[in-house]
Amino acid sequence: MRTRYRIERRALLGGGTALALAAVPGARVALAQTLDRVSFQTNWRAQAEHGGYYQAVAAGIYRRHGIECELRAGGPQQNPAQLLLAGRVDFIMSNGFQALNYAREGIPFLTIGSIMQKDPQVLMTHEGNGINRFEDMRGRPILVGAAGRVTYWPFLRAKFGFTDEQVRPYTFNIQPWLADRMAIQQGFLSSEPFAAISAGARPKIFLIADAGYENYQTTIDVSQRMVNERADVVQRFVNATIEGWSQYMRSENVAAANAMIIRDNPEMDQAKIDYAVRVMNEQGIVLSGDALQLGIGAMTDARWQSFYNTTRDAGINPPNLDFRKAYDLRFINKRVGLT
C-alpha cells in the first residue's frame, strides 16, 4: 500500500515540484495518506442492529481512522464464515457459538470484540395467558428455528427442563402465533415483537440472556493471519466501529446512517429502526455489564469460560476444549467511546 502511494505521488507531482505544490490550496488532497481498505460482512440485511457500522461510515469515523470500509449486507443465501474462510472478506459479524466452533475445528479465525453484551434472542407469547416465567413453558409447544435448536435450545433444555418433544418448526411467519393465544415462538427482541405489536397483539417477551444465556452476539471475527500481519489496521477498525456504535446508541446525528440502512434494505423503515434502538437501550443489549466499565465491544476471559462451561454441560461442546483459542482481547476493553 505504501509503495503504491509513493508511485502515485511521484507520478502526480513529479520530483522537486512537490514542495512547491504543497503551498497551493488543495494540494493536501494529492499528498493525503492512502486509506487502508477493508470489508465487513454483516449477518443479515441492513437493520438497526447493524447501526453502529453504518454510523461509522456515514459520519466519516472509519475514514478519520485511516480506513475505507466497505459494508456488505448479509442475507438468507450467504454464509459469512465461508466468505471469511475463502478470503473474500476481511471481517464478519458472528457470535460466540461460531467462535467456539473455530476452536473446536482448529480453524484459524477468532472473535476480537462483541458489540452486543446480551444476545437479543427471545421467546414470545401473549400477555394475559398465564405464561409468566420460563418454567411455565414446560411441556408446551414452542416454535423454534433450525439454528436455535443447536444454540439456545440446549441451554433452555438443561436450565428449565424443556424437552425436544416441545419443539415445533418456526417458519419466520408470525401468523400461527397471532392465531393462538397460548402460542410460544422464538424471535429477536427488535423484530418479531414489533411485528406482533403492528398486528394489534400484546406480546410478552422473555429475553433468554436474562436467564443466564451468556452468548456474545454481533461479534467481530477476523482471521488469525490478519491479526498477525495487519494488527494496526485491525485496531483502527475496532476503535472506529466502537465510536460508531457509541454515537448510534445515543442517536447522535444518525439520520444519514439510518438513510443508508433503509437504502440497503427496502423492507426497513424509520419506525422499525426507532423501535429497535429503543428496546436495545431499554434491555441493555449493547450497553450493559462489562461494556459499562470497559467500553462497547467488551469481552472477558471469565465470561468466555462461563459460556464455554454452559455449552459443554449442555452437550454442545466437548470437555477440555481450549476455548481461549476462540478469541483475542487485545483490541478491546480500552474504554473507547465511553463518555
Protein backbone atom coordinates (compact mmCIF):
# COMPACT_ATOMS: atom_id res chain seq x y z
CA MET A 1 0.00 0.00 0.00
CA ARG A 2 2.76 2.45 0.92
CA THR A 3 4.75 1.54 -2.20
CA ARG A 4 1.72 2.18 -4.39
CA TYR A 5 1.19 5.53 -2.70
CA ARG A 6 4.78 6.61 -3.35
CA ILE A 7 4.49 5.65 -7.03
CA GLU A 8 1.18 7.51 -7.46
CA ARG A 9 2.51 10.56 -5.64
CA ARG A 10 5.67 10.67 -7.76
CA ALA A 11 3.70 10.35 -11.00
CA LEU A 12 1.29 13.09 -9.96
CA LEU A 13 3.74 15.58 -8.54
CA GLY A 14 6.99 14.82 -10.26
CA GLY A 15 10.17 15.06 -8.18
CA GLY A 16 11.02 18.55 -6.97
CA THR A 17 7.61 20.10 -7.66
CA ALA A 18 6.17 18.51 -4.53
CA LEU A 19 7.33 21.26 -2.20
CA ALA A 20 6.01 23.97 -4.48
CA LEU A 21 2.60 22.33 -4.78
CA ALA A 22 2.38 21.79 -1.04
CA ALA A 23 1.83 25.54 -0.62
CA VAL A 24 -1.02 25.59 -3.16
CA PRO A 25 -4.57 25.36 -1.75
CA GLY A 26 -5.96 21.87 -2.31
CA ALA A 27 -2.55 20.26 -2.72
CA ARG A 28 -3.10 18.34 0.53
CA VAL A 29 -5.56 16.11 -1.31
CA ALA A 30 -2.77 14.85 -3.56
CA LEU A 31 -0.47 14.37 -0.60
CA ALA A 32 -3.03 12.72 1.66
CA GLN A 33 -2.26 9.29 3.04
CA THR A 34 -3.92 6.41 1.21
CA LEU A 35 -6.74 4.85 3.22
CA ASP A 36 -6.50 1.18 4.20
CA ARG A 37 -9.37 -0.65 2.52
CA VAL A 38 -11.24 -3.32 4.47
CA SER A 39 -14.54 -5.15 4.01
CA PHE A 40 -17.06 -6.13 6.67
CA GLN A 41 -19.79 -8.71 6.10
CA THR A 42 -22.93 -8.46 8.22
CA ASN A 43 -25.04 -11.48 9.17
CA TRP A 44 -28.33 -10.27 7.67
CA ARG A 45 -29.99 -7.50 5.71
CA ALA A 46 -29.35 -3.94 6.93
CA GLN A 47 -31.14 -3.06 10.16
CA ALA A 48 -30.73 -1.06 13.35
CA GLU A 49 -28.83 -4.00 14.85
CA HIS A 50 -26.05 -3.02 12.40
CA GLY A 51 -26.44 0.70 13.04
CA GLY A 52 -23.04 1.41 14.57
CA TYR A 53 -21.24 0.18 11.48
CA TYR A 54 -23.39 2.36 9.25
CA GLN A 55 -22.81 5.30 11.57
CA ALA A 56 -19.03 4.82 11.35
CA VAL A 57 -19.33 5.00 7.55
CA ALA A 58 -21.88 7.82 7.32
CA ALA A 59 -20.17 10.05 9.90
CA GLY A 60 -16.71 9.53 8.41
CA ILE A 61 -15.38 7.79 11.52
CA TYR A 62 -13.68 4.99 9.60
CA ARG A 63 -12.02 7.50 7.28
CA ARG A 64 -10.87 9.55 10.26
CA HIS A 65 -9.13 6.40 11.46
CA GLY A 66 -7.48 5.93 8.05
CA ILE A 67 -9.86 3.23 6.82
CA GLU A 68 -12.12 2.88 3.81
CA CYS A 69 -14.71 0.34 4.98
CA GLU A 70 -16.99 -1.50 2.57
CA LEU A 71 -20.10 -2.77 4.35
CA ARG A 72 -21.60 -5.86 2.75
CA ALA A 73 -25.12 -6.78 3.78
CA GLY A 74 -25.89 -10.42 4.50
CA GLY A 75 -28.96 -12.42 3.60
CA PRO A 76 -30.51 -15.89 3.58
CA GLN A 77 -28.20 -17.24 0.87
CA GLN A 78 -24.93 -16.10 2.45
CA ASN A 79 -22.65 -17.72 4.99
CA PRO A 80 -20.26 -15.10 6.43
CA ALA A 81 -17.91 -17.72 7.90
CA GLN A 82 -17.47 -19.33 4.49
CA LEU A 83 -16.71 -15.93 2.96
CA LEU A 84 -14.06 -15.36 5.63
CA LEU A 85 -12.62 -18.82 5.03
CA ALA A 86 -12.40 -18.12 1.29
CA GLY A 87 -10.61 -14.81 1.92
CA ARG A 88 -13.36 -12.83 0.22
CA VAL A 89 -13.94 -10.53 3.21
CA ASP A 90 -11.74 -9.12 5.99
CA PHE A 91 -14.17 -9.07 8.93
CA ILE A 92 -17.51 -10.73 9.59
CA MET A 93 -20.35 -10.33 12.07
CA SER A 94 -20.91 -13.50 14.06
CA ASN A 95 -21.46 -14.82 17.61
CA GLY A 96 -19.87 -16.75 20.46
CA PHE A 97 -21.06 -20.14 19.23
CA GLN A 98 -19.24 -19.64 15.94
CA ALA A 99 -16.06 -18.65 17.77
CA LEU A 100 -16.12 -21.85 19.82
CA ASN A 101 -16.62 -23.74 16.55
CA TYR A 102 -13.37 -22.19 15.29
CA ALA A 103 -11.55 -23.51 18.34
CA ARG A 104 -13.17 -26.95 18.12
CA GLU A 105 -12.44 -27.38 14.41
CA GLY A 106 -8.96 -25.85 14.52
CA ILE A 107 -9.92 -23.07 12.09
CA PRO A 108 -7.57 -20.04 12.30
CA PHE A 109 -10.28 -17.42 12.93
CA LEU A 110 -11.18 -15.66 16.15
CA THR A 111 -13.51 -13.14 17.76
CA ILE A 112 -11.94 -9.79 18.67
CA GLY A 113 -14.94 -7.91 20.06
CA SER A 114 -18.63 -8.27 20.89
CA ILE A 115 -20.93 -5.34 20.14
CA MET A 116 -23.86 -6.90 21.98
CA GLN A 117 -23.36 -7.82 25.62
CA LYS A 118 -26.73 -9.57 25.61
CA ASP A 119 -27.94 -11.92 22.90
CA PRO A 120 -31.27 -10.42 21.72
CA GLN A 121 -32.86 -13.85 21.22
CA VAL A 122 -36.26 -14.08 22.91
CA LEU A 123 -39.20 -16.36 23.39
CA MET A 124 -42.50 -14.57 22.83
CA THR A 125 -46.04 -15.35 23.93
CA HIS A 126 -49.20 -13.32 24.57
CA GLU A 127 -49.94 -11.11 27.55
CA GLY A 128 -52.54 -12.44 29.95
CA ASN A 129 -52.37 -16.13 29.07
CA GLY A 130 -50.81 -17.32 32.34
CA ILE A 131 -47.31 -17.85 30.97
CA ASN A 132 -45.22 -15.58 33.17
CA ARG A 133 -41.90 -17.43 33.56
CA PHE A 134 -39.72 -19.76 31.52
CA GLU A 135 -40.80 -22.51 33.91
CA ASP A 136 -44.41 -22.01 32.79
CA MET A 137 -43.38 -23.10 29.27
CA ARG A 138 -42.52 -26.68 30.24
CA GLY A 139 -44.45 -29.16 28.16
CA ARG A 140 -45.92 -26.52 25.86
CA PRO A 141 -45.25 -26.42 22.10
CA ILE A 142 -42.59 -23.84 21.16
CA LEU A 143 -41.81 -22.68 17.62
CA VAL A 144 -38.02 -22.87 17.15
CA GLY A 145 -35.91 -22.38 14.03
CA ALA A 146 -33.19 -24.77 12.88
CA ALA A 147 -30.33 -22.61 14.19
CA GLY A 148 -31.99 -22.23 17.58
CA ARG A 149 -32.16 -25.98 18.07
CA VAL A 150 -28.35 -26.23 18.24
CA THR A 151 -27.64 -22.96 20.09
CA TYR A 152 -30.01 -21.63 22.75
CA TRP A 153 -32.40 -24.63 22.87
CA PRO A 154 -29.91 -26.99 24.59
CA PHE A 155 -29.39 -24.24 27.18
CA LEU A 156 -33.14 -23.96 27.83
CA ARG A 157 -33.45 -27.72 27.95
CA ALA A 158 -30.73 -28.01 30.58
CA LYS A 159 -31.79 -24.91 32.55
CA PHE A 160 -35.57 -25.32 32.65
CA GLY A 161 -36.24 -28.97 31.87
CA PHE A 162 -37.62 -28.38 28.39
CA THR A 163 -37.80 -31.44 26.10
CA ASP A 164 -37.26 -31.86 22.38
CA GLU A 165 -40.87 -33.07 22.08
CA GLN A 166 -41.94 -29.45 22.64
CA VAL A 167 -40.18 -28.18 19.53
CA ARG A 168 -42.23 -27.19 16.51
CA PRO A 169 -40.71 -25.74 13.30
CA TYR A 170 -40.63 -21.96 13.09
CA THR A 171 -41.08 -20.68 9.52
CA PHE A 172 -40.44 -16.97 10.30
CA ASN A 173 -44.12 -16.23 9.85
CA ILE A 174 -45.93 -14.90 12.93
CA GLN A 175 -49.45 -15.67 11.63
CA PRO A 176 -49.70 -19.02 13.51
CA TRP A 177 -48.61 -17.22 16.68
CA LEU A 178 -51.18 -14.46 16.16
CA ALA A 179 -53.93 -17.05 15.78
CA ASP A 180 -53.15 -18.89 19.03
CA ARG A 181 -53.14 -17.02 22.34
CA MET A 182 -51.20 -19.85 24.01
CA ALA A 183 -48.53 -19.97 21.30
CA ILE A 184 -44.84 -19.52 22.13
CA GLN A 185 -42.26 -18.77 19.48
CA GLN A 186 -38.69 -17.64 19.11
CA GLY A 187 -37.82 -14.13 17.96
CA PHE A 188 -35.34 -11.30 18.10
CA LEU A 189 -36.05 -8.59 20.63
CA SER A 190 -36.32 -5.88 18.00
CA SER A 191 -38.07 -7.82 15.23
CA GLU A 192 -40.92 -10.26 15.95
CA PRO A 193 -42.30 -8.24 18.89
CA PHE A 194 -42.55 -5.17 16.64
CA ALA A 195 -44.40 -7.21 14.01
CA ALA A 196 -46.77 -8.53 16.68
CA ILE A 197 -47.49 -5.06 18.03
CA SER A 198 -48.07 -3.76 14.50
CA ALA A 199 -50.64 -6.54 14.03
CA GLY A 200 -52.52 -5.43 17.14
CA ALA A 201 -51.24 -8.10 19.56
CA ARG A 202 -49.73 -7.63 23.00
CA PRO A 203 -46.59 -9.78 23.10
CA LYS A 204 -44.94 -10.87 26.34
CA ILE A 205 -41.18 -11.10 25.92
CA PHE A 206 -38.70 -13.41 27.64
CA LEU A 207 -35.09 -12.43 26.93
CA ILE A 208 -33.06 -15.64 27.09
CA ALA A 209 -29.92 -13.71 28.08
CA ASP A 210 -31.64 -12.69 31.32
CA ALA A 211 -31.95 -16.38 32.20
CA GLY A 212 -28.17 -16.78 32.14
CA TYR A 213 -27.56 -17.40 28.43
CA GLU A 214 -24.17 -15.66 28.05
CA ASN A 215 -23.62 -15.95 24.30
CA TYR A 216 -21.75 -12.97 22.83
CA GLN A 217 -23.67 -11.62 19.84
CA THR A 218 -22.88 -9.36 16.89
CA THR A 219 -19.21 -10.16 17.28
CA ILE A 220 -16.35 -9.02 15.08
CA ASP A 221 -14.50 -12.03 13.69
CA VAL A 222 -11.26 -11.99 11.71
CA SER A 223 -8.54 -14.35 10.53
CA GLN A 224 -5.50 -15.03 12.67
CA ARG A 225 -3.39 -14.07 9.68
CA MET A 226 -4.87 -10.57 9.53
CA VAL A 227 -4.33 -10.13 13.27
CA ASN A 228 -0.71 -11.15 12.83
CA GLU A 229 0.03 -9.13 9.70
CA ARG A 230 -2.23 -6.06 9.99
CA ALA A 231 -2.73 -5.54 13.71
CA ASP A 232 -2.68 -1.75 13.35
CA VAL A 233 -5.48 -1.82 10.76
CA VAL A 234 -7.47 -4.21 12.94
CA GLN A 235 -7.10 -1.92 15.95
CA ARG A 236 -8.18 1.16 14.00
CA PHE A 237 -11.16 -0.70 12.56
CA VAL A 238 -12.26 -1.82 16.03
CA ASN A 239 -11.83 1.65 17.54
CA ALA A 240 -13.78 3.30 14.73
CA THR A 241 -16.53 0.70 14.97
CA ILE A 242 -16.89 1.24 18.71
CA GLU A 243 -17.09 5.01 18.22
CA GLY A 244 -19.79 4.47 15.60
CA TRP A 245 -21.81 2.32 17.99
CA SER A 246 -21.37 4.81 20.81
CA GLN A 247 -22.89 7.53 18.64
CA TYR A 248 -25.61 5.32 17.22
CA MET A 249 -26.91 4.11 20.56
CA ARG A 250 -27.13 7.73 21.71
CA SER A 251 -28.97 8.64 18.48
CA GLU A 252 -26.30 11.27 17.88
CA ASN A 253 -26.63 12.66 14.32
CA VAL A 254 -27.68 9.28 12.91
CA ALA A 255 -30.04 10.40 10.12
CA ALA A 256 -27.51 9.64 7.38
CA ALA A 257 -26.74 6.20 8.84
CA ASN A 258 -30.44 5.33 9.03
CA ALA A 259 -30.92 6.51 5.45
CA MET A 260 -28.16 4.12 4.38
CA ILE A 261 -29.83 1.25 6.25
CA ILE A 262 -33.16 1.93 4.54
CA ARG A 263 -31.38 2.24 1.19
CA ASP A 264 -29.69 -1.15 1.62
CA ASN A 265 -32.86 -2.84 2.92
CA PRO A 266 -36.11 -1.57 1.36
CA GLU A 267 -38.10 -3.63 3.90
CA MET A 268 -36.76 -1.43 6.69
CA ASP A 269 -38.37 1.87 7.70
CA GLN A 270 -37.80 4.53 10.34
CA ALA A 271 -40.47 3.18 12.70
CA LYS A 272 -38.75 -0.23 12.83
CA ILE A 273 -35.38 1.42 13.38
CA ASP A 274 -36.69 3.63 16.19
CA TYR A 275 -38.31 0.67 17.93
CA ALA A 276 -35.15 -1.43 17.66
CA VAL A 277 -32.89 1.27 19.10
CA ARG A 278 -35.33 1.93 21.94
CA VAL A 279 -35.63 -1.69 23.05
CA MET A 280 -31.89 -2.31 22.66
CA ASN A 281 -31.27 0.59 25.03
CA GLU A 282 -34.04 -0.46 27.43
CA GLN A 283 -32.73 -4.01 27.67
CA GLY A 284 -29.02 -3.13 27.73
CA ILE A 285 -28.25 -5.16 24.63
CA VAL A 286 -25.17 -3.09 23.75
CA LEU A 287 -24.55 -1.05 26.89
CA SER A 288 -24.64 -3.25 29.97
CA GLY A 289 -22.37 -5.46 32.02
CA ASP A 290 -18.67 -5.21 31.16
CA ALA A 291 -19.32 -2.60 28.45
CA LEU A 292 -20.27 -0.02 31.07
CA GLN A 293 -16.75 -0.10 32.50
CA LEU A 294 -14.61 -1.30 29.60
CA GLY A 295 -16.42 0.20 26.63
CA ILE A 296 -18.60 -1.15 23.83
CA GLY A 297 -17.24 -4.38 22.38
CA ALA A 298 -16.03 -5.61 25.79
CA MET A 299 -15.25 -9.26 26.42
CA THR A 300 -13.59 -11.03 29.34
CA ASP A 301 -11.86 -14.36 29.99
CA ALA A 302 -14.27 -15.06 32.83
CA ARG A 303 -17.36 -14.76 30.67
CA TRP A 304 -15.86 -16.85 27.88
CA GLN A 305 -15.04 -19.51 30.47
CA SER A 306 -18.59 -19.41 31.82
CA PHE A 307 -20.18 -19.56 28.36
CA TYR A 308 -17.95 -22.44 27.31
CA ASN A 309 -18.86 -24.31 30.51
CA THR A 310 -22.55 -23.82 29.69
CA THR A 311 -22.15 -25.21 26.18
CA ARG A 312 -20.05 -28.10 27.49
CA ASP A 313 -22.58 -29.01 30.17
CA ALA A 314 -25.39 -28.83 27.61
CA GLY A 315 -23.51 -31.29 25.38
CA ILE A 316 -22.80 -28.76 22.61
CA ASN A 317 -19.02 -28.66 23.02
CA PRO A 318 -16.60 -31.35 24.18
CA PRO A 319 -14.76 -31.40 27.51
CA ASN A 320 -11.23 -29.97 27.57
CA LEU A 321 -11.77 -27.69 24.57
CA ASP A 322 -9.13 -24.94 24.51
CA PHE A 323 -11.79 -22.24 24.29
CA ARG A 324 -9.21 -19.44 24.65
CA LYS A 325 -8.25 -20.02 21.01
CA ALA A 326 -11.68 -18.67 20.09
CA TYR A 327 -10.95 -15.03 20.92
CA ASP A 328 -8.39 -12.27 21.47
CA LEU A 329 -8.87 -9.41 23.95
CA ARG A 330 -6.01 -7.17 22.82
CA PHE A 331 -8.14 -4.85 20.63
CA ILE A 332 -10.92 -4.07 23.12
CA ASN A 333 -11.53 -3.15 26.79
CA LYS A 334 -9.82 0.23 26.27
CA ARG A 335 -12.85 2.36 27.24
CA VAL A 336 -13.16 3.69 23.70
CA GLY A 337 -16.39 5.64 23.23
CA LEU A 338 -17.24 5.97 26.91
CA THR A 339 -18.41 9.44 27.92
